[in-house]
N, C-alpha and C. Protein backbone atom coordinates (compact mmCIF):
# COMPACT_ATOMS: atom_id res chain seq x y z
N UNK A 1 -12.72 53.56 15.54
CA UNK A 1 -11.72 53.01 14.67
C UNK A 1 -10.99 51.87 15.37
N UNK A 2 -10.72 52.09 16.67
CA UNK A 2 -10.01 51.07 17.41
C UNK A 2 -10.84 49.79 17.48
N UNK A 3 -12.13 49.89 17.66
CA UNK A 3 -13.00 48.73 17.70
C UNK A 3 -13.02 48.01 16.36
N UNK A 4 -12.95 48.75 15.29
CA UNK A 4 -12.91 48.15 13.95
C UNK A 4 -11.62 47.35 13.77
N UNK A 5 -10.52 47.91 14.24
CA UNK A 5 -9.23 47.22 14.13
C UNK A 5 -9.23 45.96 14.98
N UNK A 6 -9.77 46.07 16.19
CA UNK A 6 -9.84 44.89 17.05
C UNK A 6 -10.76 43.84 16.46
N UNK A 7 -11.84 44.29 15.87
CA UNK A 7 -12.76 43.35 15.22
C UNK A 7 -12.08 42.62 14.07
N UNK A 8 -11.26 43.37 13.31
CA UNK A 8 -10.53 42.75 12.19
C UNK A 8 -9.50 41.73 12.69
N UNK A 9 -8.78 42.09 13.75
CA UNK A 9 -7.80 41.18 14.34
C UNK A 9 -8.50 39.94 14.89
N UNK A 10 -9.64 40.16 15.53
CA UNK A 10 -10.40 39.04 16.08
C UNK A 10 -10.86 38.10 14.98
N UNK A 11 -11.30 38.66 13.85
CA UNK A 11 -11.71 37.83 12.72
C UNK A 11 -10.53 37.01 12.19
N UNK A 12 -9.37 37.65 12.11
CA UNK A 12 -8.18 36.92 11.66
C UNK A 12 -7.83 35.80 12.64
N UNK A 13 -7.93 36.13 13.93
CA UNK A 13 -7.64 35.13 14.95
C UNK A 13 -8.56 33.93 14.83
N UNK A 14 -9.82 34.16 14.53
CA UNK A 14 -10.77 33.07 14.39
C UNK A 14 -10.46 32.21 13.16
N UNK A 15 -9.87 32.80 12.17
CA UNK A 15 -9.55 32.06 10.94
C UNK A 15 -8.28 31.21 11.08
N UNK A 16 -7.42 31.54 11.97
CA UNK A 16 -6.13 30.84 12.07
C UNK A 16 -6.31 29.35 12.36
N UNK A 17 -7.11 28.93 13.35
CA UNK A 17 -7.24 27.49 13.59
C UNK A 17 -7.78 26.73 12.38
N UNK A 18 -8.73 27.32 11.67
CA UNK A 18 -9.27 26.65 10.49
C UNK A 18 -8.20 26.54 9.41
N UNK A 19 -7.44 27.59 9.26
CA UNK A 19 -6.37 27.58 8.26
C UNK A 19 -5.30 26.57 8.66
N UNK A 20 -4.92 26.57 9.92
CA UNK A 20 -3.90 25.63 10.39
C UNK A 20 -4.37 24.20 10.19
N UNK A 21 -5.63 23.93 10.52
CA UNK A 21 -6.16 22.58 10.33
C UNK A 21 -6.13 22.19 8.87
N UNK A 22 -6.44 23.14 8.01
CA UNK A 22 -6.41 22.88 6.57
C UNK A 22 -4.99 22.50 6.13
N UNK A 23 -4.00 23.28 6.58
CA UNK A 23 -2.63 22.98 6.20
C UNK A 23 -2.13 21.69 6.84
N UNK A 24 -2.54 21.42 8.05
CA UNK A 24 -2.16 20.15 8.67
C UNK A 24 -2.74 18.98 7.91
N UNK A 25 -3.98 19.11 7.45
CA UNK A 25 -4.60 18.06 6.66
C UNK A 25 -3.85 17.88 5.34
N UNK A 26 -3.41 18.99 4.76
CA UNK A 26 -2.64 18.90 3.52
C UNK A 26 -1.33 18.18 3.78
N UNK A 27 -0.68 18.47 4.92
CA UNK A 27 0.56 17.79 5.26
C UNK A 27 0.33 16.30 5.44
N UNK A 28 -0.77 15.92 6.06
CA UNK A 28 -1.09 14.52 6.24
C UNK A 28 -1.29 13.83 4.90
N UNK A 29 -2.00 14.49 4.01
CA UNK A 29 -2.21 13.92 2.68
C UNK A 29 -0.90 13.82 1.92
N UNK A 30 -0.05 14.81 2.05
CA UNK A 30 1.24 14.79 1.37
C UNK A 30 2.12 13.66 1.90
N UNK A 31 2.15 13.49 3.21
CA UNK A 31 2.93 12.40 3.81
C UNK A 31 2.38 11.05 3.36
N UNK A 32 1.06 10.91 3.32
CA UNK A 32 0.45 9.67 2.87
C UNK A 32 0.84 9.37 1.43
N UNK A 33 0.78 10.40 0.59
CA UNK A 33 1.17 10.23 -0.81
C UNK A 33 2.64 9.84 -0.94
N UNK A 34 3.48 10.48 -0.15
CA UNK A 34 4.91 10.17 -0.20
C UNK A 34 5.17 8.74 0.28
N UNK A 35 4.46 8.29 1.31
CA UNK A 35 4.64 6.92 1.81
C UNK A 35 4.20 5.89 0.77
N UNK A 36 3.08 6.15 0.09
CA UNK A 36 2.63 5.24 -0.96
C UNK A 36 3.64 5.17 -2.10
N UNK A 37 4.16 6.33 -2.47
CA UNK A 37 5.16 6.38 -3.54
C UNK A 37 6.41 5.62 -3.13
N UNK A 38 6.85 5.81 -1.90
CA UNK A 38 8.03 5.10 -1.39
C UNK A 38 7.81 3.60 -1.35
N UNK A 39 6.61 3.17 -0.95
CA UNK A 39 6.30 1.75 -0.91
C UNK A 39 6.31 1.16 -2.32
N UNK A 40 5.75 1.87 -3.29
CA UNK A 40 5.76 1.38 -4.68
C UNK A 40 7.18 1.29 -5.21
N UNK A 41 8.00 2.27 -4.90
CA UNK A 41 9.41 2.24 -5.34
C UNK A 41 10.15 1.08 -4.69
N UNK A 42 9.86 0.82 -3.42
CA UNK A 42 10.51 -0.29 -2.72
C UNK A 42 10.13 -1.62 -3.35
N UNK A 43 8.85 -1.79 -3.66
CA UNK A 43 8.40 -3.03 -4.28
C UNK A 43 9.04 -3.22 -5.65
N UNK A 44 9.15 -2.13 -6.44
CA UNK A 44 9.82 -2.22 -7.74
C UNK A 44 11.28 -2.60 -7.58
N UNK A 45 11.94 -2.01 -6.58
CA UNK A 45 13.34 -2.30 -6.33
C UNK A 45 13.54 -3.77 -5.95
N UNK A 46 12.66 -4.30 -5.12
CA UNK A 46 12.76 -5.71 -4.72
C UNK A 46 12.59 -6.62 -5.94
N UNK A 47 11.60 -6.31 -6.80
CA UNK A 47 11.39 -7.11 -8.01
C UNK A 47 12.60 -7.03 -8.94
N UNK A 48 13.11 -5.82 -9.14
CA UNK A 48 14.27 -5.65 -10.02
C UNK A 48 15.49 -6.36 -9.46
N UNK A 49 15.68 -6.30 -8.14
CA UNK A 49 16.82 -6.97 -7.53
C UNK A 49 16.70 -8.49 -7.68
N UNK A 50 15.50 -9.02 -7.53
CA UNK A 50 15.30 -10.46 -7.69
C UNK A 50 15.60 -10.88 -9.12
N UNK A 51 15.17 -10.09 -10.10
CA UNK A 51 15.47 -10.39 -11.50
C UNK A 51 16.98 -10.33 -11.75
N UNK A 52 17.63 -9.34 -11.14
CA UNK A 52 19.08 -9.23 -11.29
C UNK A 52 19.78 -10.44 -10.71
N UNK A 53 19.36 -10.86 -9.52
CA UNK A 53 19.99 -12.02 -8.88
C UNK A 53 19.78 -13.29 -9.69
N UNK A 54 18.61 -13.40 -10.33
CA UNK A 54 18.36 -14.58 -11.16
C UNK A 54 19.30 -14.63 -12.37
N UNK A 55 19.69 -13.45 -12.86
CA UNK A 55 20.53 -13.41 -14.05
C UNK A 55 22.00 -13.64 -13.74
N UNK A 56 22.38 -13.63 -12.47
CA UNK A 56 23.78 -13.83 -12.13
C UNK A 56 24.20 -15.27 -12.43
N UNK A 57 25.43 -15.43 -12.89
CA UNK A 57 25.90 -16.80 -13.13
C UNK A 57 26.02 -17.56 -11.82
N UNK A 58 25.84 -18.85 -11.91
CA UNK A 58 25.99 -19.67 -10.73
C UNK A 58 24.67 -20.02 -10.06
N UNK A 59 23.57 -19.46 -10.53
CA UNK A 59 22.27 -19.82 -9.99
C UNK A 59 21.68 -20.98 -10.79
N UNK A 60 20.80 -21.70 -10.17
CA UNK A 60 20.15 -22.83 -10.81
C UNK A 60 19.07 -22.30 -11.75
N UNK A 61 19.04 -22.82 -12.97
CA UNK A 61 18.01 -22.33 -13.90
C UNK A 61 16.67 -23.03 -13.62
N UNK A 62 15.61 -22.46 -14.17
CA UNK A 62 14.25 -22.95 -13.89
C UNK A 62 14.05 -24.40 -14.32
N UNK A 63 14.63 -24.77 -15.45
CA UNK A 63 14.48 -26.14 -15.95
C UNK A 63 15.06 -27.14 -14.95
N UNK A 64 16.25 -26.83 -14.42
CA UNK A 64 16.87 -27.73 -13.45
C UNK A 64 16.09 -27.77 -12.13
N UNK A 65 15.48 -26.64 -11.75
CA UNK A 65 14.65 -26.65 -10.55
C UNK A 65 13.43 -27.54 -10.73
N UNK A 66 12.82 -27.49 -11.92
CA UNK A 66 11.69 -28.38 -12.21
C UNK A 66 12.12 -29.83 -12.20
N UNK A 67 13.25 -30.12 -12.84
CA UNK A 67 13.76 -31.50 -12.85
C UNK A 67 14.04 -31.99 -11.43
N UNK A 68 14.60 -31.11 -10.60
CA UNK A 68 14.91 -31.47 -9.21
C UNK A 68 13.63 -31.79 -8.45
N UNK A 69 12.63 -30.94 -8.59
CA UNK A 69 11.38 -31.16 -7.86
C UNK A 69 10.65 -32.41 -8.36
N UNK A 70 10.75 -32.69 -9.64
CA UNK A 70 10.09 -33.87 -10.20
C UNK A 70 10.86 -35.16 -9.96
N UNK A 71 12.06 -35.05 -9.37
CA UNK A 71 12.88 -36.23 -9.12
C UNK A 71 13.54 -36.77 -10.36
N UNK A 72 13.75 -35.94 -11.35
CA UNK A 72 14.33 -36.38 -12.62
C UNK A 72 15.85 -36.22 -12.66
N UNK A 73 16.45 -35.67 -11.60
CA UNK A 73 17.91 -35.54 -11.55
C UNK A 73 18.45 -36.85 -11.00
N UNK A 74 19.07 -37.65 -11.87
CA UNK A 74 19.55 -38.99 -11.49
C UNK A 74 21.04 -39.02 -11.20
N UNK A 75 21.79 -38.11 -11.80
CA UNK A 75 23.24 -38.08 -11.61
C UNK A 75 23.55 -37.61 -10.18
N UNK A 76 24.30 -38.42 -9.43
CA UNK A 76 24.59 -38.10 -8.03
C UNK A 76 25.38 -36.80 -7.89
N UNK A 77 26.30 -36.55 -8.81
CA UNK A 77 27.10 -35.33 -8.75
C UNK A 77 26.24 -34.09 -8.98
N UNK A 78 25.37 -34.17 -9.97
CA UNK A 78 24.48 -33.05 -10.26
C UNK A 78 23.51 -32.82 -9.10
N UNK A 79 22.98 -33.91 -8.56
CA UNK A 79 22.05 -33.81 -7.44
C UNK A 79 22.73 -33.20 -6.22
N UNK A 80 23.95 -33.63 -5.93
CA UNK A 80 24.70 -33.08 -4.79
C UNK A 80 24.99 -31.60 -5.00
N UNK A 81 25.34 -31.20 -6.22
CA UNK A 81 25.62 -29.79 -6.50
C UNK A 81 24.36 -28.94 -6.34
N UNK A 82 23.22 -29.44 -6.82
CA UNK A 82 21.97 -28.71 -6.68
C UNK A 82 21.60 -28.54 -5.20
N UNK A 83 21.68 -29.62 -4.45
CA UNK A 83 21.30 -29.55 -3.04
C UNK A 83 22.25 -28.67 -2.23
N UNK A 84 23.53 -28.73 -2.55
CA UNK A 84 24.50 -27.88 -1.86
C UNK A 84 24.23 -26.40 -2.16
N UNK A 85 23.93 -26.11 -3.42
CA UNK A 85 23.64 -24.73 -3.80
C UNK A 85 22.39 -24.23 -3.07
N UNK A 86 21.40 -25.09 -2.94
CA UNK A 86 20.16 -24.70 -2.26
C UNK A 86 20.35 -24.49 -0.75
N UNK A 87 21.43 -25.01 -0.20
CA UNK A 87 21.71 -24.81 1.22
C UNK A 87 22.11 -23.37 1.54
N UNK A 88 22.76 -22.69 0.60
CA UNK A 88 23.26 -21.35 0.90
C UNK A 88 22.66 -20.23 0.05
N UNK A 89 21.98 -20.55 -1.03
CA UNK A 89 21.48 -19.51 -1.93
C UNK A 89 19.99 -19.26 -1.68
N UNK A 90 19.67 -18.18 -0.99
CA UNK A 90 18.28 -17.84 -0.67
C UNK A 90 17.44 -17.55 -1.90
N UNK A 91 18.07 -16.95 -2.91
CA UNK A 91 17.34 -16.63 -4.15
C UNK A 91 16.85 -17.91 -4.81
N UNK A 92 17.73 -18.90 -4.90
CA UNK A 92 17.35 -20.16 -5.54
C UNK A 92 16.36 -20.95 -4.69
N UNK A 93 16.46 -20.82 -3.37
CA UNK A 93 15.49 -21.49 -2.50
C UNK A 93 14.10 -20.91 -2.75
N UNK A 94 14.02 -19.57 -2.83
CA UNK A 94 12.72 -18.94 -3.12
C UNK A 94 12.19 -19.38 -4.47
N UNK A 95 13.06 -19.43 -5.46
CA UNK A 95 12.64 -19.86 -6.80
C UNK A 95 12.25 -21.33 -6.79
N UNK A 96 12.97 -22.16 -6.00
CA UNK A 96 12.64 -23.58 -5.91
C UNK A 96 11.26 -23.76 -5.27
N UNK A 97 10.95 -22.96 -4.27
CA UNK A 97 9.62 -23.05 -3.64
C UNK A 97 8.53 -22.62 -4.62
N UNK A 98 8.81 -21.58 -5.40
CA UNK A 98 7.83 -21.15 -6.41
C UNK A 98 7.66 -22.22 -7.48
N UNK A 99 8.76 -22.85 -7.87
CA UNK A 99 8.69 -23.94 -8.85
C UNK A 99 7.90 -25.11 -8.29
N UNK A 100 8.10 -25.42 -7.01
CA UNK A 100 7.37 -26.51 -6.38
C UNK A 100 5.87 -26.22 -6.40
N UNK A 101 5.48 -24.98 -6.07
CA UNK A 101 4.06 -24.63 -6.13
C UNK A 101 3.51 -24.75 -7.55
N UNK A 102 4.30 -24.33 -8.53
CA UNK A 102 3.88 -24.40 -9.93
C UNK A 102 3.69 -25.85 -10.37
N UNK A 103 4.66 -26.69 -10.08
CA UNK A 103 4.58 -28.10 -10.48
C UNK A 103 3.41 -28.79 -9.78
N UNK A 104 3.22 -28.49 -8.50
CA UNK A 104 2.09 -29.08 -7.77
C UNK A 104 0.76 -28.63 -8.35
N UNK A 105 0.67 -27.37 -8.77
CA UNK A 105 -0.56 -26.87 -9.37
C UNK A 105 -0.82 -27.54 -10.72
N UNK A 106 0.22 -27.75 -11.50
CA UNK A 106 0.06 -28.43 -12.79
C UNK A 106 -0.36 -29.88 -12.56
N UNK A 107 0.26 -30.52 -11.58
CA UNK A 107 -0.13 -31.90 -11.26
C UNK A 107 -1.59 -31.98 -10.82
N UNK A 108 -2.01 -31.05 -9.98
CA UNK A 108 -3.40 -31.06 -9.50
C UNK A 108 -4.37 -30.82 -10.64
N UNK A 109 -4.01 -29.93 -11.56
CA UNK A 109 -4.87 -29.65 -12.71
C UNK A 109 -4.94 -30.87 -13.63
N UNK A 110 -3.83 -31.59 -13.76
CA UNK A 110 -3.81 -32.76 -14.64
C UNK A 110 -4.65 -33.90 -14.06
N UNK A 111 -4.75 -33.95 -12.73
CA UNK A 111 -5.52 -35.02 -12.10
C UNK A 111 -7.02 -34.79 -12.13
N UNK A 112 -7.42 -33.55 -12.40
CA UNK A 112 -8.87 -33.24 -12.41
C UNK A 112 -9.52 -33.66 -13.69
């Protein structure tokens, strides 16, 4: 009887590493899933924050950014205000760079 009990304990002992590895693998998969979910939430938050910042008063609208990049802003006061705003507003600088890429792409397509 004692040998049977020891045999049973030994069998359980042999199963523990496999079981532990299985649970560790599950933990790794769970952490990976949680990290992907957190990254997706972070990206959504960044997009939502950028949209929110664009809607705040005092930012340059897209039409004026296009006019600025195309050199169509002739009024010195308006031009000075746009350039001053672009010196301190990172959101508008990013949007101005995106507008510049858009206008350049349209120009390149028109030349083809």
